[in-house]
Amino acid sequence: DELVKVLMGGLSYGHMLTHLDLSHNKIGDRGARRLASLLDPDYCLQAVDLSDNQIHANGCMHLGAHLAENITCQVLNLRLNRCEDNGVSHLFQDMCVNKHLQTLNIACNDLTVRCLPYLNAMLAENSTLIELDISANPLHQEEEEAAQGAPPAAPAVEAAPNPPTAPPPEDPMENGEDDLLAGLQVSSAQLAVFARCVMRSPALLRVDLRSCGLPPELFERVSTAVKHRELEAKGIPVEAYERAKEVAEAEEAAAEEELANEAEEEEGEEKVEEKEPEEKAEETEKAPEGEEEKKEGE
């Protein structure tokens, strides 16, 4: 963080800087607070990469506060930090105001089901976010579901203000819309609202939900809905894509079956090869015995 202070001595004059990559630098909350000033209207940053640092809730909160009124930044990468529910809750609320950010990566930040009300509100309000990566966060855990009404715990390194008051979840089902999760059993109400918000969002074209603990059926349905929306945005027929996908899956299954058959044949050949030396050894052992019997007979 002290090195960031020195670096800011020069960056503060970089009013035409558009891309800033400070990933893998062990930057903490103090450094993040200083860097957040580069999101002020005096600057024109378009992409900020702070992945793989040590930014906790307090630093994330300051980044969100400066991002709220920012009109230039389109990409923010906070992957592999420690923002947790407390810091990300503030970021999501500031994202309700921001109308210019298009890509947000908050993977691997220890987010749980308690941040979903803020994420759902952001998805309902924000119409410009195109790509969202929240992979590798334990969003769906039974113990978290039981305590989802409890306030998020403050980070251990540097205390952050209490999270904002959680907005009431806006479930599309309450507006009389068709249930996109028909036939699925989702134990968490907030998770169900989140899934519907993602599937209903007109802007989101890419969402990464891998390693979030989602039920496989829910993960597949949400991913398919978002993928279809991306295809439609690119002018690619969804039906053609699905047919190509089915053909690819059939070819992959056939290739796997062929490999399995080849493996079985190889195992059979190996067993035959193993038996041949044994049979030869037995024959060689029997041959001297036969000769001795002949000699005795003579």
C-alpha atoms as a PDB file:
ATOM      1  CA  ASP A   1       0.000   0.000   0.000  1.00  0.00           C
ATOM      2  CA  GLU A   2       2.910   2.361   0.629  1.00  0.00           C
ATOM      3  CA  LEU A   3       4.173   1.643  -2.872  1.00  0.00           C
ATOM      4  CA  VAL A   4       0.701   2.488  -4.211  1.00  0.00           C
ATOM      5  CA  LYS A   5       1.016   5.833  -2.419  1.00  0.00           C
ATOM      6  CA  VAL A   6       4.273   6.461  -4.280  1.00  0.00           C
ATOM      7  CA  LEU A   7       2.741   5.258  -7.552  1.00  0.00           C
ATOM      8  CA  MET A   8      -0.230   7.596  -7.135  1.00  0.00           C
ATOM      9  CA  GLY A   9       2.204  10.492  -7.143  1.00  0.00           C
ATOM     10  CA  GLY A  10       2.577   9.882 -10.861  1.00  0.00           C
ATOM     11  CA  LEU A  11      -0.797   8.342 -11.698  1.00  0.00           C
ATOM     12  CA  SER A  12      -2.617  11.365 -10.325  1.00  0.00           C
ATOM     13  CA  TYR A  13      -1.307  13.281 -13.355  1.00  0.00           C
ATOM     14  CA  GLY A  14      -2.340  10.582 -15.849  1.00  0.00           C
ATOM     15  CA  HIS A  15      -5.625  12.145 -16.869  1.00  0.00           C
ATOM     16  CA  MET A  16      -5.505  10.421 -20.282  1.00  0.00           C
ATOM     17  CA  LEU A  17      -4.777   6.940 -18.876  1.00  0.00           C
ATOM     18  CA  THR A  18      -7.346   4.433 -20.185  1.00  0.00           C
ATOM     19  CA  HIS A  19      -6.139   0.997 -18.984  1.00  0.00           C
ATOM     20  CA  LEU A  20      -4.710   0.183 -15.554  1.00  0.00           C
ATOM     21  CA  ASP A  21      -3.496  -3.320 -14.637  1.00  0.00           C
ATOM     22  CA  LEU A  22      -2.203  -3.720 -11.070  1.00  0.00           C
ATOM     23  CA  SER A  23      -3.036  -7.395 -10.606  1.00  0.00           C
ATOM     24  CA  HIS A  24      -0.906  -9.702  -8.405  1.00  0.00           C
ATOM     25  CA  ASN A  25       0.515  -6.896  -6.252  1.00  0.00           C
ATOM     26  CA  LYS A  26      -0.809  -7.564  -2.707  1.00  0.00           C
ATOM     27  CA  ILE A  27      -2.705  -4.265  -2.710  1.00  0.00           C
ATOM     28  CA  GLY A  28      -4.866  -3.814   0.399  1.00  0.00           C
ATOM     29  CA  ASP A  29      -7.719  -1.525   1.394  1.00  0.00           C
ATOM     30  CA  ARG A  30      -5.578   1.588   1.717  1.00  0.00           C
ATOM     31  CA  GLY A  31      -4.144   1.119  -1.740  1.00  0.00           C
ATOM     32  CA  ALA A  32      -7.616   0.480  -3.162  1.00  0.00           C
ATOM     33  CA  ARG A  33      -8.914   3.702  -1.581  1.00  0.00           C
ATOM     34  CA  ARG A  34      -6.137   5.681  -3.241  1.00  0.00           C
ATOM     35  CA  LEU A  35      -6.676   4.007  -6.613  1.00  0.00           C
ATOM     36  CA  ALA A  36     -10.430   4.629  -6.383  1.00  0.00           C
ATOM     37  CA  SER A  37      -9.773   8.344  -6.935  1.00  0.00           C
ATOM     38  CA  LEU A  38      -8.741   7.485 -10.514  1.00  0.00           C
ATOM     39  CA  LEU A  39     -12.428   6.756 -11.186  1.00  0.00           C
ATOM     40  CA  ASP A  40     -13.347  10.385 -10.551  1.00  0.00           C
ATOM     41  CA  PRO A  41     -14.678  12.529 -13.438  1.00  0.00           C
ATOM     42  CA  ASP A  42     -11.233  14.105 -13.937  1.00  0.00           C
ATOM     43  CA  TYR A  43      -9.916  10.823 -15.383  1.00  0.00           C
ATOM     44  CA  CYS A  44     -10.885   8.589 -18.308  1.00  0.00           C
ATOM     45  CA  LEU A  45     -10.032   5.061 -17.193  1.00  0.00           C
ATOM     46  CA  GLN A  46     -11.844   2.459 -19.298  1.00  0.00           C
ATOM     47  CA  ALA A  47     -10.495  -0.784 -17.789  1.00  0.00           C
ATOM     48  CA  VAL A  48      -9.231  -1.488 -14.253  1.00  0.00           C
ATOM     49  CA  ASP A  49      -7.685  -4.835 -13.294  1.00  0.00           C
ATOM     50  CA  LEU A  50      -7.083  -5.316  -9.557  1.00  0.00           C
ATOM     51  CA  SER A  51      -7.326  -9.112  -9.564  1.00  0.00           C
ATOM     52  CA  ASP A  52      -5.351 -11.302  -7.164  1.00  0.00           C
ATOM     53  CA  ASN A  53      -4.733  -8.662  -4.494  1.00  0.00           C
ATOM     54  CA  GLN A  54      -5.735  -8.330  -0.842  1.00  0.00           C
ATOM     55  CA  ILE A  55      -8.655  -5.928  -1.139  1.00  0.00           C
ATOM     56  CA  HIS A  56     -11.252  -6.410   1.608  1.00  0.00           C
ATOM     57  CA  ALA A  57     -14.706  -4.927   2.172  1.00  0.00           C
ATOM     58  CA  ASN A  58     -13.519  -1.408   2.931  1.00  0.00           C
ATOM     59  CA  GLY A  59     -11.496  -1.077  -0.254  1.00  0.00           C
ATOM     60  CA  CYS A  60     -14.322  -2.552  -2.335  1.00  0.00           C
ATOM     61  CA  MET A  61     -16.776  -0.074  -0.804  1.00  0.00           C
ATOM     62  CA  HIS A  62     -14.582   2.901  -1.822  1.00  0.00           C
ATOM     63  CA  LEU A  63     -14.188   1.554  -5.362  1.00  0.00           C
ATOM     64  CA  GLY A  64     -17.967   1.262  -5.624  1.00  0.00           C
ATOM     65  CA  ALA A  65     -18.546   4.768  -4.261  1.00  0.00           C
ATOM     66  CA  HIS A  66     -16.300   6.292  -6.949  1.00  0.00           C
ATOM     67  CA  LEU A  67     -17.706   3.977  -9.619  1.00  0.00           C
ATOM     68  CA  ALA A  68     -21.294   5.124  -9.025  1.00  0.00           C
ATOM     69  CA  GLU A  69     -20.868   8.426 -10.867  1.00  0.00           C
ATOM     70  CA  ASN A  70     -18.168   7.221 -13.277  1.00  0.00           C
ATOM     71  CA  ILE A  71     -18.996   7.497 -16.982  1.00  0.00           C
ATOM     72  CA  THR A  72     -15.854   6.029 -18.615  1.00  0.00           C
ATOM     73  CA  CYS A  73     -14.955   2.727 -16.919  1.00  0.00           C
ATOM     74  CA  GLN A  74     -16.313  -0.286 -18.800  1.00  0.00           C
ATOM     75  CA  VAL A  75     -14.331  -3.153 -17.230  1.00  0.00           C
ATOM     76  CA  LEU A  76     -13.659  -3.819 -13.533  1.00  0.00           C
ATOM     77  CA  ASN A  77     -11.822  -6.971 -12.448  1.00  0.00           C
ATOM     78  CA  LEU A  78     -11.754  -7.758  -8.719  1.00  0.00           C
ATOM     79  CA  ARG A  79     -11.183 -11.491  -9.081  1.00  0.00           C
ATOM     80  CA  LEU A  80      -9.278 -13.297  -6.315  1.00  0.00           C
ATOM     81  CA  ASN A  81      -9.694 -10.691  -3.588  1.00  0.00           C
ATOM     82  CA  ARG A  82     -11.449 -10.776  -0.200  1.00  0.00           C
ATOM     83  CA  CYS A  83     -14.313  -8.357  -0.699  1.00  0.00           C
ATOM     84  CA  GLU A  84     -16.886 -10.725   0.865  1.00  0.00           C
ATOM     85  CA  ASP A  85     -20.602  -9.966   1.248  1.00  0.00           C
ATOM     86  CA  ASN A  86     -20.096  -6.711   3.134  1.00  0.00           C
ATOM     87  CA  GLY A  87     -17.994  -4.924   0.511  1.00  0.00           C
ATOM     88  CA  VAL A  88     -19.761  -6.352  -2.512  1.00  0.00           C
ATOM     89  CA  SER A  89     -23.164  -5.320  -1.115  1.00  0.00           C
ATOM     90  CA  HIS A  90     -22.067  -1.670  -1.330  1.00  0.00           C
ATOM     91  CA  LEU A  91     -20.617  -2.250  -4.804  1.00  0.00           C
ATOM     92  CA  PHE A  92     -23.896  -3.725  -6.062  1.00  0.00           C
ATOM     93  CA  GLN A  93     -25.881  -0.786  -4.712  1.00  0.00           C
ATOM     94  CA  ASP A  94     -23.534   1.650  -6.456  1.00  0.00           C
ATOM     95  CA  MET A  95     -23.936  -0.386  -9.624  1.00  0.00           C
ATOM     96  CA  CYS A  96     -27.645   0.442  -9.540  1.00  0.00           C
ATOM     97  CA  VAL A  97     -26.608   4.034 -10.283  1.00  0.00           C
ATOM     98  CA  ASN A  98     -23.775   3.337 -12.729  1.00  0.00           C
ATOM     99  CA  LYS A  99     -24.914   3.146 -16.351  1.00  0.00           C
ATOM    100  CA  HIS A 100     -21.591   2.559 -18.129  1.00  0.00           C
ATOM    101  CA  LEU A 101     -19.822  -0.505 -16.681  1.00  0.00           C
ATOM    102  CA  GLN A 102     -20.179  -3.479 -19.032  1.00  0.00           C
ATOM    103  CA  THR A 103     -17.948  -6.175 -17.504  1.00  0.00           C
ATOM    104  CA  LEU A 104     -17.674  -7.038 -13.810  1.00  0.00           C
ATOM    105  CA  ASN A 105     -15.537  -9.891 -12.468  1.00  0.00           C
ATOM    106  CA  ILE A 106     -15.912 -10.676  -8.755  1.00  0.00           C
ATOM    107  CA  ALA A 107     -14.998 -14.357  -8.870  1.00  0.00           C
ATOM    108  CA  CYS A 108     -13.325 -15.953  -5.833  1.00  0.00           C
ATOM    109  CA  ASN A 109     -14.353 -13.319  -3.265  1.00  0.00           C
ATOM    110  CA  ASP A 110     -16.035 -15.514  -0.634  1.00  0.00           C
ATOM    111  CA  LEU A 111     -19.532 -14.336  -1.556  1.00  0.00           C
ATOM    112  CA  THR A 112     -22.462 -16.193  -0.024  1.00  0.00           C
ATOM    113  CA  VAL A 113     -26.250 -16.215  -0.297  1.00  0.00           C
ATOM    114  CA  ARG A 114     -26.359 -13.089   1.922  1.00  0.00           C
ATOM    115  CA  CYS A 115     -25.195 -10.858  -0.941  1.00  0.00           C
ATOM    116  CA  LEU A 116     -27.940 -12.064  -3.298  1.00  0.00           C
ATOM    117  CA  PRO A 117     -30.591  -9.461  -2.321  1.00  0.00           C
ATOM    118  CA  TYR A 118     -28.192  -6.669  -3.377  1.00  0.00           C
ATOM    119  CA  LEU A 119     -27.176  -8.545  -6.513  1.00  0.00           C
ATOM    120  CA  ASN A 120     -30.829  -9.092  -7.428  1.00  0.00           C
ATOM    121  CA  ALA A 121     -31.592  -5.395  -6.957  1.00  0.00           C
ATOM    122  CA  MET A 122     -28.612  -4.474  -9.129  1.00  0.00           C
ATOM    123  CA  LEU A 123     -29.716  -6.835 -11.913  1.00  0.00           C
ATOM    124  CA  ALA A 124     -33.199  -5.334 -11.789  1.00  0.00           C
ATOM    125  CA  GLU A 125     -31.935  -1.732 -11.968  1.00  0.00           C
ATOM    126  CA  ASN A 126     -28.835  -1.972 -14.168  1.00  0.00           C
ATOM    127  CA  SER A 127     -29.408  -2.294 -17.908  1.00  0.00           C
ATOM    128  CA  THR A 128     -25.845  -1.877 -19.219  1.00  0.00           C
ATOM    129  CA  LEU A 129     -23.914  -4.757 -17.612  1.00  0.00           C
ATOM    130  CA  ILE A 130     -23.142  -7.290 -20.357  1.00  0.00           C
ATOM    131  CA  GLU A 131     -20.762  -9.726 -18.667  1.00  0.00           C
ATOM    132  CA  LEU A 132     -20.809 -10.890 -15.028  1.00  0.00           C
ATOM    133  CA  ASP A 133     -18.397 -13.391 -13.500  1.00  0.00           C
ATOM    134  CA  ILE A 134     -19.257 -14.578  -9.982  1.00  0.00           C
ATOM    135  CA  SER A 135     -17.728 -18.033 -10.301  1.00  0.00           C
ATOM    136  CA  ALA A 136     -16.006 -19.864  -7.432  1.00  0.00           C
ATOM    137  CA  ASN A 137     -18.167 -18.198  -4.757  1.00  0.00           C
ATOM    138  CA  PRO A 138     -20.172 -20.405  -2.327  1.00  0.00           C
ATOM    139  CA  LEU A 139     -23.527 -18.851  -3.197  1.00  0.00           C
ATOM    140  CA  HIS A 140     -25.522 -21.994  -2.399  1.00  0.00           C
ATOM    141  CA  GLN A 141     -24.808 -23.662   0.942  1.00  0.00           C
ATOM    142  CA  GLU A 142     -27.300 -25.127   3.377  1.00  0.00           C
ATOM    143  CA  GLU A 143     -25.728 -23.485   6.424  1.00  0.00           C
ATOM    144  CA  GLU A 144     -25.765 -20.105   4.677  1.00  0.00           C
ATOM    145  CA  GLU A 145     -29.418 -20.470   3.720  1.00  0.00           C
ATOM    146  CA  ALA A 146     -30.317 -20.948   7.365  1.00  0.00           C
ATOM    147  CA  ALA A 147     -28.560 -17.695   8.285  1.00  0.00           C
ATOM    148  CA  GLN A 148     -29.311 -15.566   5.232  1.00  0.00           C
ATOM    149  CA  GLY A 149     -31.180 -13.054   7.404  1.00  0.00           C
ATOM    150  CA  ALA A 150     -28.086 -12.365   9.508  1.00  0.00           C
ATOM    151  CA  PRO A 151     -25.921  -9.341   8.644  1.00  0.00           C
ATOM    152  CA  PRO A 152     -22.664 -10.122   6.786  1.00  0.00           C
ATOM    153  CA  ALA A 153     -19.624 -10.404   8.990  1.00  0.00           C
ATOM    154  CA  ALA A 154     -17.117  -7.559   8.837  1.00  0.00           C
ATOM    155  CA  PRO A 155     -13.676  -8.430   7.410  1.00  0.00           C
ATOM    156  CA  ALA A 156     -10.927  -9.216   9.878  1.00  0.00           C
ATOM    157  CA  VAL A 157      -8.238  -6.925   8.504  1.00  0.00           C
ATOM    158  CA  GLU A 158      -9.970  -3.572   8.354  1.00  0.00           C
ATOM    159  CA  ALA A 159     -13.517  -2.861   9.458  1.00  0.00           C
ATOM    160  CA  ALA A 160     -15.996  -1.593   6.911  1.00  0.00           C
ATOM    161  CA  PRO A 161     -19.270   0.198   7.576  1.00  0.00           C
ATOM    162  CA  ASN A 162     -22.321  -1.964   8.013  1.00  0.00           C
ATOM    163  CA  PRO A 163     -23.873  -3.180   4.761  1.00  0.00           C
ATOM    164  CA  PRO A 164     -26.732  -1.086   3.374  1.00  0.00           C
ATOM    165  CA  THR A 165     -30.273  -2.083   4.138  1.00  0.00           C
ATOM    166  CA  ALA A 166     -31.176  -5.012   1.943  1.00  0.00           C
ATOM    167  CA  PRO A 167     -33.762  -4.065  -0.689  1.00  0.00           C
ATOM    168  CA  PRO A 168     -36.829  -6.258  -0.968  1.00  0.00           C
ATOM    169  CA  PRO A 169     -36.283  -8.939  -3.612  1.00  0.00           C
ATOM    170  CA  GLU A 170     -38.167  -8.222  -6.806  1.00  0.00           C
ATOM    171  CA  ASP A 171     -39.396 -11.602  -7.926  1.00  0.00           C
ATOM    172  CA  PRO A 172     -40.700 -11.588 -11.519  1.00  0.00           C
ATOM    173  CA  MET A 173     -43.299 -14.150 -10.420  1.00  0.00           C
ATOM    174  CA  GLU A 174     -44.972 -11.473  -8.302  1.00  0.00           C
ATOM    175  CA  ASN A 175     -45.663  -9.472 -11.461  1.00  0.00           C
ATOM    176  CA  GLY A 176     -47.612 -12.333 -12.992  1.00  0.00           C
ATOM    177  CA  GLU A 177     -44.835 -13.359 -15.385  1.00  0.00           C
ATOM    178  CA  ASP A 178     -44.273 -16.958 -16.456  1.00  0.00           C
ATOM    179  CA  ASP A 179     -42.114 -19.031 -14.155  1.00  0.00           C
ATOM    180  CA  LEU A 180     -38.819 -19.759 -15.923  1.00  0.00           C
ATOM    181  CA  LEU A 181     -37.928 -22.287 -13.228  1.00  0.00           C
ATOM    182  CA  ALA A 182     -40.985 -24.486 -13.663  1.00  0.00           C
ATOM    183  CA  GLY A 183     -40.228 -28.057 -12.740  1.00  0.00           C
ATOM    184  CA  LEU A 184     -37.177 -27.185 -10.632  1.00  0.00           C
ATOM    185  CA  GLN A 185     -36.983 -27.311  -6.851  1.00  0.00           C
ATOM    186  CA  VAL A 186     -34.842 -24.468  -5.476  1.00  0.00           C
ATOM    187  CA  SER A 187     -34.441 -24.517  -1.697  1.00  0.00           C
ATOM    188  CA  SER A 188     -33.318 -20.870  -1.397  1.00  0.00           C
ATOM    189  CA  ALA A 189     -35.845 -18.146  -2.210  1.00  0.00           C
ATOM    190  CA  GLN A 190     -33.104 -15.594  -2.897  1.00  0.00           C
ATOM    191  CA  LEU A 191     -31.347 -18.033  -5.226  1.00  0.00           C
ATOM    192  CA  ALA A 192     -34.586 -18.541  -7.147  1.00  0.00           C
ATOM    193  CA  VAL A 193     -35.063 -14.767  -7.482  1.00  0.00           C
ATOM    194  CA  PHE A 194     -31.449 -14.436  -8.637  1.00  0.00           C
ATOM    195  CA  ALA A 195     -31.909 -17.112 -11.300  1.00  0.00           C
ATOM    196  CA  ARG A 196     -35.064 -15.442 -12.611  1.00  0.00           C
ATOM    197  CA  CYS A 197     -33.395 -11.986 -12.650  1.00  0.00           C
ATOM    198  CA  VAL A 198     -30.469 -13.344 -14.666  1.00  0.00           C
ATOM    199  CA  MET A 199     -32.776 -15.103 -17.113  1.00  0.00           C
ATOM    200  CA  ARG A 200     -34.980 -12.007 -17.478  1.00  0.00           C
ATOM    201  CA  SER A 201     -32.158  -9.472 -17.813  1.00  0.00           C
ATOM    202  CA  PRO A 202     -32.232  -7.897 -21.301  1.00  0.00           C
ATOM    203  CA  ALA A 203     -28.559  -6.862 -21.160  1.00  0.00           C
ATOM    204  CA  LEU A 204     -26.612  -9.776 -19.655  1.00  0.00           C
ATOM    205  CA  LEU A 205     -25.059 -11.850 -22.428  1.00  0.00           C
ATOM    206  CA  ARG A 206     -22.419 -13.772 -20.494  1.00  0.00           C
ATOM    207  CA  VAL A 207     -22.670 -15.037 -16.901  1.00  0.00           C
ATOM    208  CA  ASP A 208     -20.161 -17.373 -15.263  1.00  0.00           C
ATOM    209  CA  LEU A 209     -21.715 -19.374 -12.409  1.00  0.00           C
ATOM    210  CA  ARG A 210     -19.255 -22.252 -12.247  1.00  0.00           C
ATOM    211  CA  SER A 211     -18.246 -23.609  -8.838  1.00  0.00           C
ATOM    212  CA  CYS A 212     -20.983 -21.673  -7.026  1.00  0.00           C
ATOM    213  CA  GLY A 213     -22.671 -24.761  -5.614  1.00  0.00           C
ATOM    214  CA  LEU A 214     -25.801 -24.333  -7.740  1.00  0.00           C
ATOM    215  CA  PRO A 215     -27.911 -27.439  -8.390  1.00  0.00           C
ATOM    216  CA  PRO A 216     -26.920 -28.888 -11.798  1.00  0.00           C
ATOM    217  CA  GLU A 217     -30.423 -28.476 -13.256  1.00  0.00           C
ATOM    218  CA  LEU A 218     -30.614 -24.816 -12.196  1.00  0.00           C
ATOM    219  CA  PHE A 219     -27.104 -24.102 -13.478  1.00  0.00           C
ATOM    220  CA  GLU A 220     -27.933 -25.660 -16.844  1.00  0.00           C
ATOM    221  CA  ARG A 221     -31.218 -23.766 -17.252  1.00  0.00           C
ATOM    222  CA  VAL A 222     -29.747 -20.367 -16.369  1.00  0.00           C
ATOM    223  CA  SER A 223     -26.661 -20.901 -18.535  1.00  0.00           C
ATOM    224  CA  THR A 224     -28.799 -22.009 -21.485  1.00  0.00           C
ATOM    225  CA  ALA A 225     -31.093 -18.977 -21.212  1.00  0.00           C
ATOM    226  CA  VAL A 226     -28.149 -16.556 -21.142  1.00  0.00           C
ATOM    227  CA  LYS A 227     -26.429 -18.365 -24.022  1.00  0.00           C
ATOM    228  CA  HIS A 228     -29.576 -18.140 -26.153  1.00  0.00           C
ATOM    229  CA  ARG A 229     -29.770 -14.401 -25.462  1.00  0.00           C
ATOM    230  CA  GLU A 230     -26.134 -13.984 -26.545  1.00  0.00           C
ATOM    231  CA  LEU A 231     -26.803 -15.906 -29.760  1.00  0.00           C
ATOM    232  CA  GLU A 232     -29.836 -13.778 -30.541  1.00  0.00           C
ATOM    233  CA  ALA A 233     -27.787 -10.619 -29.947  1.00  0.00           C
ATOM    234  CA  LYS A 234     -25.219 -11.879 -32.473  1.00  0.00           C
ATOM    235  CA  GLY A 235     -27.899 -12.828 -34.997  1.00  0.00           C
ATOM    236  CA  ILE A 236     -27.215 -16.570 -34.726  1.00  0.00           C
ATOM    237  CA  PRO A 237     -30.305 -18.829 -34.927  1.00  0.00           C
ATOM    238  CA  VAL A 238     -30.807 -20.597 -31.606  1.00  0.00           C
ATOM    239  CA  GLU A 239     -32.262 -23.688 -33.263  1.00  0.00           C
ATOM    240  CA  ALA A 240     -29.195 -24.070 -35.485  1.00  0.00           C
ATOM    241  CA  TYR A 241     -26.945 -23.751 -32.453  1.00  0.00           C
ATOM    242  CA  GLU A 242     -28.909 -26.390 -30.542  1.00  0.00           C
ATOM    243  CA  ARG A 243     -28.782 -28.779 -33.507  1.00  0.00           C
ATOM    244  CA  ALA A 244     -25.035 -28.262 -33.822  1.00  0.00           C
ATOM    245  CA  LYS A 245     -24.702 -28.802 -30.078  1.00  0.00           C
ATOM    246  CA  GLU A 246     -26.639 -32.084 -30.289  1.00  0.00           C
ATOM    247  CA  VAL A 247     -24.470 -33.262 -33.190  1.00  0.00           C
ATOM    248  CA  ALA A 248     -21.303 -32.346 -31.274  1.00  0.00           C
ATOM    249  CA  GLU A 249     -22.546 -34.185 -28.179  1.00  0.00           C
ATOM    250  CA  ALA A 250     -23.409 -37.255 -30.274  1.00  0.00           C
ATOM    251  CA  GLU A 251     -19.965 -37.213 -31.887  1.00  0.00           C
ATOM    252  CA  GLU A 252     -18.336 -36.823 -28.493  1.00  0.00           C
ATOM    253  CA  ALA A 253     -20.331 -39.750 -27.098  1.00  0.00           C
ATOM    254  CA  ALA A 254     -19.395 -41.880 -30.111  1.00  0.00           C
ATOM    255  CA  ALA A 255     -15.727 -40.959 -29.702  1.00  0.00           C
ATOM    256  CA  GLU A 256     -15.834 -41.855 -26.010  1.00  0.00           C
ATOM    257  CA  GLU A 257     -17.491 -45.188 -26.821  1.00  0.00           C
ATOM    258  CA  GLU A 258     -14.847 -45.890 -29.463  1.00  0.00           C
ATOM    259  CA  LEU A 259     -12.084 -45.095 -26.997  1.00  0.00           C
ATOM    260  CA  ALA A 260     -13.697 -47.389 -24.422  1.00  0.00           C
ATOM    261  CA  ASN A 261     -13.874 -50.198 -26.978  1.00  0.00           C
ATOM    262  CA  GLU A 262     -10.246 -49.664 -27.957  1.00  0.00           C
ATOM    263  CA  ALA A 263      -9.244 -49.733 -24.287  1.00  0.00           C
ATOM    264  CA  GLU A 264     -11.120 -53.020 -23.811  1.00  0.00           C
ATOM    265  CA  GLU A 265      -9.420 -54.505 -26.891  1.00  0.00           C
ATOM    266  CA  GLU A 266      -6.004 -53.394 -25.639  1.00  0.00           C
ATOM    267  CA  GLU A 267      -6.702 -54.948 -22.241  1.00  0.00           C
ATOM    268  CA  GLY A 268      -7.727 -58.188 -23.974  1.00  0.00           C
ATOM    269  CA  GLU A 269      -4.550 -58.188 -26.062  1.00  0.00           C
ATOM    270  CA  GLU A 270      -2.427 -57.531 -22.973  1.00  0.00           C
ATOM    271  CA  LYS A 271      -4.072 -60.447 -21.178  1.00  0.00           C
ATOM    272  CA  VAL A 272      -3.385 -62.704 -24.183  1.00  0.00           C
ATOM    273  CA  GLU A 273       0.224 -61.537 -24.297  1.00  0.00           C
ATOM    274  CA  GLU A 274       0.572 -62.213 -20.589  1.00  0.00           C
ATOM    275  CA  LYS A 275      -0.862 -65.725 -20.997  1.00  0.00           C
ATOM    276  CA  GLU A 276       1.446 -66.673 -23.897  1.00  0.00           C
ATOM    277  CA  PRO A 277       4.730 -66.521 -21.871  1.00  0.00           C
ATOM    278  CA  GLU A 278       3.041 -68.463 -19.086  1.00  0.00           C
ATOM    279  CA  GLU A 279       1.926 -71.184 -21.524  1.00  0.00           C
ATOM    280  CA  LYS A 280       5.388 -71.328 -23.069  1.00  0.00           C
ATOM    281  CA  ALA A 281       6.952 -71.631 -19.625  1.00  0.00           C
ATOM    282  CA  GLU A 282       4.590 -74.475 -18.791  1.00  0.00           C
ATOM    283  CA  GLU A 283       5.444 -76.210 -22.068  1.00  0.00           C
ATOM    284  CA  THR A 284       9.173 -75.847 -21.403  1.00  0.00           C
ATOM    285  CA  GLU A 285       8.663 -77.304 -17.944  1.00  0.00           C
ATOM    286  CA  LYS A 286       6.676 -80.247 -19.343  1.00  0.00           C
ATOM    287  CA  ALA A 287       9.203 -80.934 -22.126  1.00  0.00           C
ATOM    288  CA  PRO A 288      12.065 -82.100 -19.819  1.00  0.00           C
ATOM    289  CA  GLU A 289       9.602 -84.239 -17.895  1.00  0.00           C
ATOM    290  CA  GLY A 290       8.546 -85.947 -21.145  1.00  0.00           C
ATOM    291  CA  GLU A 291      12.139 -86.550 -22.159  1.00  0.00           C
ATOM    292  CA  GLU A 292      12.933 -88.109 -18.793  1.00  0.00           C
ATOM    293  CA  GLU A 293       9.917 -90.385 -19.114  1.00  0.00           C
ATOM    294  CA  LYS A 294      11.106 -91.483 -22.568  1.00  0.00           C
ATOM    295  CA  LYS A 295      14.594 -92.215 -21.252  1.00  0.00           C
ATOM    296  CA  GLU A 296      13.176 -94.255 -18.399  1.00  0.00           C
ATOM    297  CA  GLY A 297      11.019 -96.197 -20.846  1.00  0.00           C
ATOM    298  CA  GLU A 298      14.034 -96.956 -23.042  1.00  0.00           C
END
